[in-house]
Amino acid sequence: MNELAPCPICKSPYTYELDSLLVCPECGHEWTAAEEQAGDATFVVKDSNGNALADGDTVVTIKNLPVKGTSKTIKAGTKVKNIKLVDSDHNIDCRIEGFGAMALKSEFVKKA
């Protein structure tokens, strides 16, 4: 028996086939296998200028960014090397000298 992919909405493993559709019995979502394959595309993170970013890129901050929990700010023009892209609200994980590990939003950086 073939393993069917879980529901893309609720992640239920109990999906089943109904004619040419895949159906989730828990949330009622229906989709085709072609939609499932198209949905597997990787996410794209773009900087403030619309340039696509990749893991390992170097970026520069475009404005002063306050750091929660401290009175310090990351100054505009700070170079951040070797970024890692993640699929979350703050989509760049990095390490900034003098601050340590940080999570930045891509809208506040530009590709160097």
PDB file of N, CA and C in Angstrom:
ATOM      1  N   MET A   1       0.844  -1.179   0.000  1.00  0.00           N
ATOM      2  CA  MET A   1       0.000   0.000   0.000  1.00  0.00           C
ATOM      3  C   MET A   1       0.885   1.236   0.000  1.00  0.00           C
ATOM      4  N   ASN A   2       0.565   2.205  -0.851  1.00  0.00           N
ATOM      5  CA  ASN A   2       1.352   3.434  -0.946  1.00  0.00           C
ATOM      6  C   ASN A   2       1.057   4.354   0.229  1.00  0.00           C
ATOM      7  N   GLU A   3       2.111   4.973   0.731  1.00  0.00           N
ATOM      8  CA  GLU A   3       1.958   5.959   1.791  1.00  0.00           C
ATOM      9  C   GLU A   3       1.548   7.280   1.166  1.00  0.00           C
ATOM     10  N   LEU A   4       0.461   7.852   1.631  1.00  0.00           N
ATOM     11  CA  LEU A   4       0.015   9.154   1.139  1.00  0.00           C
ATOM     12  C   LEU A   4       0.589  10.252   2.019  1.00  0.00           C
ATOM     13  N   ALA A   5       0.821  11.393   1.422  1.00  0.00           N
ATOM     14  CA  ALA A   5       1.379  12.529   2.154  1.00  0.00           C
ATOM     15  C   ALA A   5       0.358  13.041   3.165  1.00  0.00           C
ATOM     16  N   PRO A   6       0.817  13.598   4.284  1.00  0.00           N
ATOM     17  CA  PRO A   6      -0.123  14.163   5.257  1.00  0.00           C
ATOM     18  C   PRO A   6      -0.800  15.420   4.705  1.00  0.00           C
ATOM     19  N   CYS A   7      -1.862  15.812   5.329  1.00  0.00           N
ATOM     20  CA  CYS A   7      -2.623  16.995   4.922  1.00  0.00           C
ATOM     21  C   CYS A   7      -1.737  18.240   5.025  1.00  0.00           C
ATOM     22  N   PRO A   8      -1.698  19.086   3.979  1.00  0.00           N
ATOM     23  CA  PRO A   8      -0.875  20.289   4.039  1.00  0.00           C
ATOM     24  C   PRO A   8      -1.415  21.357   4.991  1.00  0.00           C
ATOM     25  N   ILE A   9      -2.675  21.248   5.381  1.00  0.00           N
ATOM     26  CA  ILE A   9      -3.278  22.237   6.272  1.00  0.00           C
ATOM     27  C   ILE A   9      -3.099  21.845   7.739  1.00  0.00           C
ATOM     28  N   CYS A  10      -3.606  20.666   8.113  1.00  0.00           N
ATOM     29  CA  CYS A  10      -3.576  20.265   9.530  1.00  0.00           C
ATOM     30  C   CYS A  10      -2.523  19.206   9.843  1.00  0.00           C
ATOM     31  N   LYS A  11      -1.808  18.721   8.828  1.00  0.00           N
ATOM     32  CA  LYS A  11      -0.743  17.712   8.974  1.00  0.00           C
ATOM     33  C   LYS A  11      -1.240  16.354   9.452  1.00  0.00           C
ATOM     34  N   SER A  12      -2.503  16.072   9.257  1.00  0.00           N
ATOM     35  CA  SER A  12      -3.071  14.786   9.641  1.00  0.00           C
ATOM     36  C   SER A  12      -2.495  13.674   8.762  1.00  0.00           C
ATOM     37  N   PRO A  13      -2.095  12.548   9.352  1.00  0.00           N
ATOM     38  CA  PRO A  13      -1.552  11.438   8.548  1.00  0.00           C
ATOM     39  C   PRO A  13      -2.636  10.545   7.947  1.00  0.00           C
ATOM     40  N   TYR A  14      -3.911  10.822   8.208  1.00  0.00           N
ATOM     41  CA  TYR A  14      -5.006   9.934   7.801  1.00  0.00           C
ATOM     42  C   TYR A  14      -5.633  10.328   6.472  1.00  0.00           C
ATOM     43  N   THR A  15      -4.857  10.796   5.513  1.00  0.00           N
ATOM     44  CA  THR A  15      -5.412  11.189   4.226  1.00  0.00           C
ATOM     45  C   THR A  15      -5.795   9.956   3.412  1.00  0.00           C
ATOM     46  N   TYR A  16      -6.729  10.150   2.482  1.00  0.00           N
ATOM     47  CA  TYR A  16      -7.141   9.062   1.606  1.00  0.00           C
ATOM     48  C   TYR A  16      -7.452   9.612   0.225  1.00  0.00           C
ATOM     49  N   GLU A  17      -7.507   8.708  -0.762  1.00  0.00           N
ATOM     50  CA  GLU A  17      -7.779   9.098  -2.139  1.00  0.00           C
ATOM     51  C   GLU A  17      -9.271   8.984  -2.421  1.00  0.00           C
ATOM     52  N   LEU A  18      -9.788   9.986  -3.127  1.00  0.00           N
ATOM     53  CA  LEU A  18     -11.177   9.977  -3.579  1.00  0.00           C
ATOM     54  C   LEU A  18     -11.157  10.421  -5.035  1.00  0.00           C
ATOM     55  N   ASP A  19     -11.315   9.472  -5.947  1.00  0.00           N
ATOM     56  CA  ASP A  19     -11.149   9.715  -7.384  1.00  0.00           C
ATOM     57  C   ASP A  19      -9.750  10.280  -7.630  1.00  0.00           C
ATOM     58  N   SER A  20      -9.648  11.496  -8.151  1.00  0.00           N
ATOM     59  CA  SER A  20      -8.325  12.070  -8.439  1.00  0.00           C
ATOM     60  C   SER A  20      -7.857  13.016  -7.331  1.00  0.00           C
ATOM     61  N   LEU A  21      -8.610  13.100  -6.249  1.00  0.00           N
ATOM     62  CA  LEU A  21      -8.269  14.011  -5.156  1.00  0.00           C
ATOM     63  C   LEU A  21      -7.703  13.273  -3.953  1.00  0.00           C
ATOM     64  N   LEU A  22      -6.933  13.991  -3.168  1.00  0.00           N
ATOM     65  CA  LEU A  22      -6.530  13.519  -1.844  1.00  0.00           C
ATOM     66  C   LEU A  22      -7.390  14.288  -0.845  1.00  0.00           C
ATOM     67  N   VAL A  23      -7.887  13.598   0.181  1.00  0.00           N
ATOM     68  CA  VAL A  23      -8.832  14.198   1.126  1.00  0.00           C
ATOM     69  C   VAL A  23      -8.349  13.975   2.553  1.00  0.00           C
ATOM     70  N   CYS A  24      -8.538  15.002   3.376  1.00  0.00           N
ATOM     71  CA  CYS A  24      -8.223  14.888   4.800  1.00  0.00           C
ATOM     72  C   CYS A  24      -9.534  14.711   5.567  1.00  0.00           C
ATOM     73  N   PRO A  25      -9.703  13.619   6.307  1.00  0.00           N
ATOM     74  CA  PRO A  25     -10.952  13.398   7.031  1.00  0.00           C
ATOM     75  C   PRO A  25     -11.092  14.299   8.266  1.00  0.00           C
ATOM     76  N   GLU A  26      -9.996  14.850   8.756  1.00  0.00           N
ATOM     77  CA  GLU A  26     -10.062  15.655   9.977  1.00  0.00           C
ATOM     78  C   GLU A  26     -10.476  17.100   9.706  1.00  0.00           C
ATOM     79  N   CYS A  27      -9.921  17.724   8.647  1.00  0.00           N
ATOM     80  CA  CYS A  27     -10.263  19.131   8.392  1.00  0.00           C
ATOM     81  C   CYS A  27     -11.090  19.301   7.125  1.00  0.00           C
ATOM     82  N   GLY A  28     -11.211  18.240   6.320  1.00  0.00           N
ATOM     83  CA  GLY A  28     -12.032  18.300   5.119  1.00  0.00           C
ATOM     84  C   GLY A  28     -11.328  18.906   3.914  1.00  0.00           C
ATOM     85  N   HIS A  29     -10.048  19.203   4.005  1.00  0.00           N
ATOM     86  CA  HIS A  29      -9.308  19.796   2.895  1.00  0.00           C
ATOM     87  C   HIS A  29      -9.148  18.787   1.770  1.00  0.00           C
ATOM     88  N   GLU A  30      -9.337  19.254   0.512  1.00  0.00           N
ATOM     89  CA  GLU A  30      -9.164  18.410  -0.665  1.00  0.00           C
ATOM     90  C   GLU A  30      -8.118  19.044  -1.565  1.00  0.00           C
ATOM     91  N   TRP A  31      -7.215  18.234  -2.118  1.00  0.00           N
ATOM     92  CA  TRP A  31      -6.187  18.741  -3.019  1.00  0.00           C
ATOM     93  C   TRP A  31      -5.793  17.643  -3.985  1.00  0.00           C
ATOM     94  N   THR A  32      -5.122  18.022  -5.061  1.00  0.00           N
ATOM     95  CA  THR A  32      -4.663  17.051  -6.045  1.00  0.00           C
ATOM     96  C   THR A  32      -3.194  16.742  -5.799  1.00  0.00           C
ATOM     97  N   ALA A  33      -2.741  15.643  -6.367  1.00  0.00           N
ATOM     98  CA  ALA A  33      -1.337  15.265  -6.211  1.00  0.00           C
ATOM     99  C   ALA A  33      -0.430  16.291  -6.888  1.00  0.00           C
ATOM    100  N   ALA A  34      -0.895  16.925  -7.963  1.00  0.00           N
ATOM    101  CA  ALA A  34      -0.100  17.953  -8.652  1.00  0.00           C
ATOM    102  C   ALA A  34       0.099  19.165  -7.746  1.00  0.00           C
ATOM    103  N   GLU A  35      -0.937  19.560  -7.004  1.00  0.00           N
ATOM    104  CA  GLU A  35      -0.812  20.675  -6.055  1.00  0.00           C
ATOM    105  C   GLU A  35       0.194  20.330  -4.959  1.00  0.00           C
ATOM    106  N   GLU A  36       0.186  19.088  -4.544  1.00  0.00           N
ATOM    107  CA  GLU A  36       1.097  18.639  -3.484  1.00  0.00           C
ATOM    108  C   GLU A  36       2.549  18.762  -3.943  1.00  0.00           C
ATOM    109  N   GLN A  37       2.828  18.348  -5.179  1.00  0.00           N
ATOM    110  CA  GLN A  37       4.189  18.428  -5.699  1.00  0.00           C
ATOM    111  C   GLN A  37       4.614  19.872  -5.918  1.00  0.00           C
ATOM    112  N   ALA A  38       3.699  20.742  -6.347  1.00  0.00           N
ATOM    113  CA  ALA A  38       4.022  22.155  -6.554  1.00  0.00           C
ATOM    114  C   ALA A  38       4.267  22.846  -5.225  1.00  0.00           C
ATOM    115  N   GLY A  39       3.644  22.384  -4.156  1.00  0.00           N
ATOM    116  CA  GLY A  39       3.797  22.984  -2.846  1.00  0.00           C
ATOM    117  C   GLY A  39       5.116  22.646  -2.176  1.00  0.00           C
ATOM    118  N   ASP A  40       5.871  21.700  -2.724  1.00  0.00           N
ATOM    119  CA  ASP A  40       7.138  21.307  -2.137  1.00  0.00           C
ATOM    120  C   ASP A  40       8.275  22.257  -2.483  1.00  0.00           C
ATOM    121  N   ALA A  41       8.016  23.307  -3.257  1.00  0.00           N
ATOM    122  CA  ALA A  41       9.061  24.253  -3.643  1.00  0.00           C
ATOM    123  C   ALA A  41       9.626  24.935  -2.402  1.00  0.00           C
ATOM    124  N   THR A  42      10.918  25.219  -2.450  1.00  0.00           N
ATOM    125  CA  THR A  42      11.565  25.860  -1.311  1.00  0.00           C
ATOM    126  C   THR A  42      11.119  27.310  -1.199  1.00  0.00           C
ATOM    127  N   PHE A  43      11.167  27.825   0.000  1.00  0.00           N
ATOM    128  CA  PHE A  43      10.776  29.214   0.204  1.00  0.00           C
ATOM    129  C   PHE A  43      11.915  30.136  -0.205  1.00  0.00           C
ATOM    130  N   VAL A  44      11.571  31.355  -0.607  1.00  0.00           N
ATOM    131  CA  VAL A  44      12.553  32.331  -1.056  1.00  0.00           C
ATOM    132  C   VAL A  44      12.516  33.507  -0.105  1.00  0.00           C
ATOM    133  N   VAL A  45      13.699  33.918   0.366  1.00  0.00           N
ATOM    134  CA  VAL A  45      13.809  35.075   1.248  1.00  0.00           C
ATOM    135  C   VAL A  45      14.470  36.179   0.454  1.00  0.00           C
ATOM    136  N   LYS A  46      13.848  37.375   0.458  1.00  0.00           N
ATOM    137  CA  LYS A  46      14.384  38.509  -0.278  1.00  0.00           C
ATOM    138  C   LYS A  46      14.753  39.631   0.683  1.00  0.00           C
ATOM    139  N   ASP A  47      15.801  40.378   0.318  1.00  0.00           N
ATOM    140  CA  ASP A  47      16.226  41.505   1.147  1.00  0.00           C
ATOM    141  C   ASP A  47      15.349  42.724   0.850  1.00  0.00           C
ATOM    142  N   SER A  48      15.698  43.872   1.413  1.00  0.00           N
ATOM    143  CA  SER A  48      14.889  45.080   1.250  1.00  0.00           C
ATOM    144  C   SER A  48      14.853  45.572  -0.185  1.00  0.00           C
ATOM    145  N   ASN A  49      15.830  45.198  -1.004  1.00  0.00           N
ATOM    146  CA  ASN A  49      15.866  45.616  -2.406  1.00  0.00           C
ATOM    147  C   ASN A  49      15.273  44.579  -3.349  1.00  0.00           C
ATOM    148  N   GLY A  50      14.822  43.460  -2.836  1.00  0.00           N
ATOM    149  CA  GLY A  50      14.218  42.416  -3.659  1.00  0.00           C
ATOM    150  C   GLY A  50      15.192  41.374  -4.156  1.00  0.00           C
ATOM    151  N   ASN A  51      16.439  41.413  -3.703  1.00  0.00           N
ATOM    152  CA  ASN A  51      17.430  40.402  -4.095  1.00  0.00           C
ATOM    153  C   ASN A  51      17.213  39.132  -3.272  1.00  0.00           C
ATOM    154  N   ALA A  52      17.291  37.981  -3.929  1.00  0.00           N
ATOM    155  CA  ALA A  52      17.131  36.703  -3.231  1.00  0.00           C
ATOM    156  C   ALA A  52      18.361  36.431  -2.371  1.00  0.00           C
ATOM    157  N   LEU A  53      18.131  35.977  -1.146  1.00  0.00           N
ATOM    158  CA  LEU A  53      19.215  35.640  -0.225  1.00  0.00           C
ATOM    159  C   LEU A  53      19.380  34.125  -0.168  1.00  0.00           C
ATOM    160  N   ALA A  54      20.588  33.697   0.203  1.00  0.00           N
ATOM    161  CA  ALA A  54      20.882  32.274   0.341  1.00  0.00           C
ATOM    162  C   ALA A  54      21.694  32.060   1.609  1.00  0.00           C
ATOM    163  N   ASP A  55      21.712  30.815   2.096  1.00  0.00           N
ATOM    164  CA  ASP A  55      22.540  30.490   3.258  1.00  0.00           C
ATOM    165  C   ASP A  55      23.992  30.841   2.970  1.00  0.00           C
ATOM    166  N   GLY A  56      24.665  31.462   3.946  1.00  0.00           N
ATOM    167  CA  GLY A  56      26.070  31.802   3.808  1.00  0.00           C
ATOM    168  C   GLY A  56      26.331  33.180   3.237  1.00  0.00           C
ATOM    169  N   ASP A  57      25.290  33.883   2.810  1.00  0.00           N
ATOM    170  CA  ASP A  57      25.473  35.234   2.264  1.00  0.00           C
ATOM    171  C   ASP A  57      25.919  36.211   3.346  1.00  0.00           C
ATOM    172  N   THR A  58      26.424  37.359   2.898  1.00  0.00           N
ATOM    173  CA  THR A  58      26.760  38.472   3.784  1.00  0.00           C
ATOM    174  C   THR A  58      25.765  39.584   3.510  1.00  0.00           C
ATOM    175  N   VAL A  59      25.203  40.154   4.564  1.00  0.00           N
ATOM    176  CA  VAL A  59      24.232  41.234   4.435  1.00  0.00           C
ATOM    177  C   VAL A  59      24.664  42.419   5.289  1.00  0.00           C
ATOM    178  N   VAL A  60      24.053  43.581   5.027  1.00  0.00           N
ATOM    179  CA  VAL A  60      24.324  44.803   5.769  1.00  0.00           C
ATOM    180  C   VAL A  60      22.990  45.348   6.263  1.00  0.00           C
ATOM    181  N   THR A  61      22.922  45.768   7.534  1.00  0.00           N
ATOM    182  CA  THR A  61      21.685  46.343   8.060  1.00  0.00           C
ATOM    183  C   THR A  61      21.457  47.710   7.430  1.00  0.00           C
ATOM    184  N   ILE A  62      20.189  48.069   7.200  1.00  0.00           N
ATOM    185  CA  ILE A  62      19.884  49.335   6.544  1.00  0.00           C
ATOM    186  C   ILE A  62      19.362  50.388   7.513  1.00  0.00           C
ATOM    187  N   LYS A  63      19.097  50.009   8.758  1.00  0.00           N
ATOM    188  CA  LYS A  63      18.652  50.974   9.761  1.00  0.00           C
ATOM    189  C   LYS A  63      19.089  50.509  11.140  1.00  0.00           C
ATOM    190  N   ASN A  64      19.053  51.410  12.106  1.00  0.00           N
ATOM    191  CA  ASN A  64      19.384  51.046  13.483  1.00  0.00           C
ATOM    192  C   ASN A  64      18.306  50.108  14.009  1.00  0.00           C
ATOM    193  N   LEU A  65      18.736  48.983  14.584  1.00  0.00           N
ATOM    194  CA  LEU A  65      17.798  47.981  15.088  1.00  0.00           C
ATOM    195  C   LEU A  65      17.969  47.834  16.590  1.00  0.00           C
ATOM    196  N   PRO A  66      16.935  48.148  17.384  1.00  0.00           N
ATOM    197  CA  PRO A  66      17.036  47.962  18.836  1.00  0.00           C
ATOM    198  C   PRO A  66      17.062  46.476  19.173  1.00  0.00           C
ATOM    199  N   VAL A  67      17.817  46.122  20.214  1.00  0.00           N
ATOM    200  CA  VAL A  67      17.927  44.735  20.645  1.00  0.00           C
ATOM    201  C   VAL A  67      17.122  44.589  21.926  1.00  0.00           C
ATOM    202  N   LYS A  68      16.153  43.679  21.917  1.00  0.00           N
ATOM    203  CA  LYS A  68      15.315  43.469  23.100  1.00  0.00           C
ATOM    204  C   LYS A  68      16.155  43.024  24.283  1.00  0.00           C
ATOM    205  N   GLY A  69      15.870  43.579  25.446  1.00  0.00           N
ATOM    206  CA  GLY A  69      16.539  43.170  26.666  1.00  0.00           C
ATOM    207  C   GLY A  69      17.810  43.947  26.961  1.00  0.00           C
ATOM    208  N   THR A  70      18.233  44.796  26.038  1.00  0.00           N
ATOM    209  CA  THR A  70      19.419  45.616  26.274  1.00  0.00           C
ATOM    210  C   THR A  70      19.144  47.039  25.814  1.00  0.00           C
ATOM    211  N   SER A  71      20.031  47.939  26.182  1.00  0.00           N
ATOM    212  CA  SER A  71      19.897  49.314  25.717  1.00  0.00           C
ATOM    213  C   SER A  71      20.733  49.547  24.458  1.00  0.00           C
ATOM    214  N   LYS A  72      21.381  48.501  23.954  1.00  0.00           N
ATOM    215  CA  LYS A  72      22.210  48.611  22.755  1.00  0.00           C
ATOM    216  C   LYS A  72      21.348  48.536  21.502  1.00  0.00           C
ATOM    217  N   THR A  73      21.883  49.083  20.412  1.00  0.00           N
ATOM    218  CA  THR A  73      21.241  48.945  19.111  1.00  0.00           C
ATOM    219  C   THR A  73      22.277  48.469  18.101  1.00  0.00           C
ATOM    220  N   ILE A  74      21.803  47.762  17.104  1.00  0.00           N
ATOM    221  CA  ILE A  74      22.664  47.363  15.992  1.00  0.00           C
ATOM    222  C   ILE A  74      22.615  48.534  15.012  1.00  0.00           C
ATOM    223  N   LYS A  75      23.743  49.142  14.768  1.00  0.00           N
ATOM    224  CA  LYS A  75      23.813  50.345  13.936  1.00  0.00           C
ATOM    225  C   LYS A  75      23.584  50.019  12.464  1.00  0.00           C
ATOM    226  N   ALA A  76      23.027  50.989  11.743  1.00  0.00           N
ATOM    227  CA  ALA A  76      22.867  50.860  10.299  1.00  0.00           C
ATOM    228  C   ALA A  76      24.247  50.716   9.673  1.00  0.00           C
ATOM    229  N   GLY A  77      24.392  49.815   8.728  1.00  0.00           N
ATOM    230  CA  GLY A  77      25.669  49.582   8.071  1.00  0.00           C
ATOM    231  C   GLY A  77      26.481  48.461   8.680  1.00  0.00           C
ATOM    232  N   THR A  78      25.940  47.804   9.723  1.00  0.00           N
ATOM    233  CA  THR A  78      26.641  46.682  10.337  1.00  0.00           C
ATOM    234  C   THR A  78      26.639  45.496   9.383  1.00  0.00           C
ATOM    235  N   LYS A  79      27.817  44.943   9.117  1.00  0.00           N
ATOM    236  CA  LYS A  79      27.945  43.803   8.203  1.00  0.00           C
ATOM    237  C   LYS A  79      27.725  42.512   8.991  1.00  0.00           C
ATOM    238  N   VAL A  80      26.877  41.661   8.454  1.00  0.00           N
ATOM    239  CA  VAL A  80      26.563  40.376   9.071  1.00  0.00           C
ATOM    240  C   VAL A  80      26.969  39.287   8.088  1.00  0.00           C
ATOM    241  N   LYS A  81      27.915  38.438   8.490  1.00  0.00           N
ATOM    242  CA  LYS A  81      28.444  37.396   7.615  1.00  0.00           C
ATOM    243  C   LYS A  81      27.800  36.048   7.925  1.00  0.00           C
ATOM    244  N   ASN A  82      27.791  35.192   6.919  1.00  0.00           N
ATOM    245  CA  ASN A  82      27.387  33.794   7.061  1.00  0.00           C
ATOM    246  C   ASN A  82      25.994  33.632   7.680  1.00  0.00           C
ATOM    247  N   ILE A  83      24.983  34.176   7.007  1.00  0.00           N
ATOM    248  CA  ILE A  83      23.617  34.079   7.510  1.00  0.00           C
ATOM    249  C   ILE A  83      23.045  32.696   7.230  1.00  0.00           C
ATOM    250  N   LYS A  84      21.994  32.332   7.982  1.00  0.00           N
ATOM    251  CA  LYS A  84      21.270  31.081   7.770  1.00  0.00           C
ATOM    252  C   LYS A  84      19.797  31.440   7.648  1.00  0.00           C
ATOM    253  N   LEU A  85      19.150  30.976   6.603  1.00  0.00           N
ATOM    254  CA  LEU A  85      17.737  31.277   6.366  1.00  0.00           C
ATOM    255  C   LEU A  85      16.861  30.248   7.064  1.00  0.00           C
ATOM    256  N   VAL A  86      15.809  30.735   7.720  1.00  0.00           N
ATOM    257  CA  VAL A  86      14.850  29.872   8.398  1.00  0.00           C
ATOM    258  C   VAL A  86      13.448  30.314   8.014  1.00  0.00           C
ATOM    259  N   ASP A  87      12.507  29.406   8.087  1.00  0.00           N
ATOM    260  CA  ASP A  87      11.125  29.707   7.721  1.00  0.00           C
ATOM    261  C   ASP A  87      10.347  30.087   8.979  1.00  0.00           C
ATOM    262  N   SER A  88      10.461  31.349   9.374  1.00  0.00           N
ATOM    263  CA  SER A  88       9.733  31.860  10.535  1.00  0.00           C
ATOM    264  C   SER A  88       9.535  33.356  10.372  1.00  0.00           C
ATOM    265  N   ASP A  89       9.024  34.006  11.410  1.00  0.00           N
ATOM    266  CA  ASP A  89       8.772  35.445  11.359  1.00  0.00           C
ATOM    267  C   ASP A  89      10.067  36.215  11.121  1.00  0.00           C
ATOM    268  N   HIS A  90      11.085  35.951  11.902  1.00  0.00           N
ATOM    269  CA  HIS A  90      12.420  36.519  11.697  1.00  0.00           C
ATOM    270  C   HIS A  90      13.180  35.480  10.884  1.00  0.00           C
ATOM    271  N   ASN A  91      13.324  35.701   9.572  1.00  0.00           N
ATOM    272  CA  ASN A  91      13.780  34.638   8.696  1.00  0.00           C
ATOM    273  C   ASN A  91      15.282  34.580   8.448  1.00  0.00           C
ATOM    274  N   ILE A  92      16.083  35.298   9.237  1.00  0.00           N
ATOM    275  CA  ILE A  92      17.544  35.205   9.134  1.00  0.00           C
ATOM    276  C   ILE A  92      18.106  34.923  10.518  1.00  0.00           C
ATOM    277  N   ASP A  93      18.832  33.822  10.665  1.00  0.00           N
ATOM    278  CA  ASP A  93      19.588  33.533  11.886  1.00  0.00           C
ATOM    279  C   ASP A  93      21.039  33.874  11.605  1.00  0.00           C
ATOM    280  N   CYS A  94      21.687  34.549  12.554  1.00  0.00           N
ATOM    281  CA  CYS A  94      23.068  34.963  12.334  1.00  0.00           C
ATOM    282  C   CYS A  94      23.757  35.202  13.669  1.00  0.00           C
ATOM    283  N   ARG A  95      25.034  35.534  13.580  1.00  0.00           N
ATOM    284  CA  ARG A  95      25.820  35.893  14.749  1.00  0.00           C
ATOM    285  C   ARG A  95      26.433  37.258  14.446  1.00  0.00           C
ATOM    286  N   ILE A  96      26.202  38.232  15.361  1.00  0.00           N
ATOM    287  CA  ILE A  96      26.715  39.586  15.183  1.00  0.00           C
ATOM    288  C   ILE A  96      27.746  39.850  16.264  1.00  0.00           C
ATOM    289  N   GLU A  97      28.915  40.331  15.843  1.00  0.00           N
ATOM    290  CA  GLU A  97      29.988  40.617  16.802  1.00  0.00           C
ATOM    291  C   GLU A  97      29.500  41.625  17.836  1.00  0.00           C
ATOM    292  N   GLY A  98      29.749  41.323  19.100  1.00  0.00           N
ATOM    293  CA  GLY A  98      29.345  42.208  20.188  1.00  0.00           C
ATOM    294  C   GLY A  98      27.937  41.958  20.692  1.00  0.00           C
ATOM    295  N   PHE A  99      27.143  41.174  19.950  1.00  0.00           N
ATOM    296  CA  PHE A  99      25.763  40.894  20.344  1.00  0.00           C
ATOM    297  C   PHE A  99      25.494  39.407  20.493  1.00  0.00           C
ATOM    298  N   GLY A 100      26.157  38.576  19.714  1.00  0.00           N
ATOM    299  CA  GLY A 100      25.934  37.140  19.762  1.00  0.00           C
ATOM    300  C   GLY A 100      24.914  36.692  18.737  1.00  0.00           C
ATOM    301  N   ALA A 101      24.239  35.592  19.039  1.00  0.00           N
ATOM    302  CA  ALA A 101      23.259  35.019  18.109  1.00  0.00           C
ATOM    303  C   ALA A 101      22.038  35.918  18.027  1.00  0.00           C
ATOM    304  N   MET A 102      21.557  36.128  16.808  1.00  0.00           N
ATOM    305  CA  MET A 102      20.419  37.024  16.557  1.00  0.00           C
ATOM    306  C   MET A 102      19.497  36.408  15.523  1.00  0.00           C
ATOM    307  N   ALA A 103      18.281  36.884  15.511  1.00  0.00           N
ATOM    308  CA  ALA A 103      17.322  36.581  14.455  1.00  0.00           C
ATOM    309  C   ALA A 103      16.891  37.926  13.872  1.00  0.00           C
ATOM    310  N   LEU A 104      17.047  38.089  12.563  1.00  0.00           N
ATOM    311  CA  LEU A 104      16.717  39.349  11.900  1.00  0.00           C
ATOM    312  C   LEU A 104      15.609  39.138  10.883  1.00  0.00           C
ATOM    313  N   LYS A 105      14.888  40.209  10.582  1.00  0.00           N
ATOM    314  CA  LYS A 105      13.921  40.189   9.503  1.00  0.00           C
ATOM    315  C   LYS A 105      14.632  40.636   8.245  1.00  0.00           C
ATOM    316  N   SER A 106      14.319  39.981   7.123  1.00  0.00           N
ATOM    317  CA  SER A 106      15.008  40.283   5.882  1.00  0.00           C
ATOM    318  C   SER A 106      14.682  41.671   5.351  1.00  0.00           C
ATOM    319  N   GLU A 107      13.600  42.269   5.784  1.00  0.00           N
ATOM    320  CA  GLU A 107      13.231  43.596   5.304  1.00  0.00           C
ATOM    321  C   GLU A 107      14.161  44.696   5.852  1.00  0.00           C
ATOM    322  N   PHE A 108      15.000  44.386   6.829  1.00  0.00           N
ATOM    323  CA  PHE A 108      15.902  45.378   7.401  1.00  0.00           C
ATOM    324  C   PHE A 108      17.348  45.180   6.984  1.00  0.00           C
ATOM    325  N   VAL A 109      17.604  44.344   5.977  1.00  0.00           N
ATOM    326  CA  VAL A 109      18.964  44.118   5.513  1.00  0.00           C
ATOM    327  C   VAL A 109      19.013  44.212   3.990  1.00  0.00           C
ATOM    328  N   LYS A 110      20.215  44.442   3.474  1.00  0.00           N
ATOM    329  CA  LYS A 110      20.442  44.363   2.032  1.00  0.00           C
ATOM    330  C   LYS A 110      21.657  43.491   1.792  1.00  0.00           C
ATOM    331  N   LYS A 111      21.670  42.837   0.641  1.00  0.00           N
ATOM    332  CA  LYS A 111      22.756  41.934   0.307  1.00  0.00           C
ATOM    333  C   LYS A 111      24.030  42.742   0.072  1.00  0.00           C
ATOM    334  N   ALA A 112      25.138  42.258   0.636  1.00  0.00           N
ATOM    335  CA  ALA A 112      26.415  42.984   0.475  1.00  0.00           C
ATOM    336  C   ALA A 112      27.124  42.587  -0.791  1.00  0.00           C
TER     337      ALA A 112
END
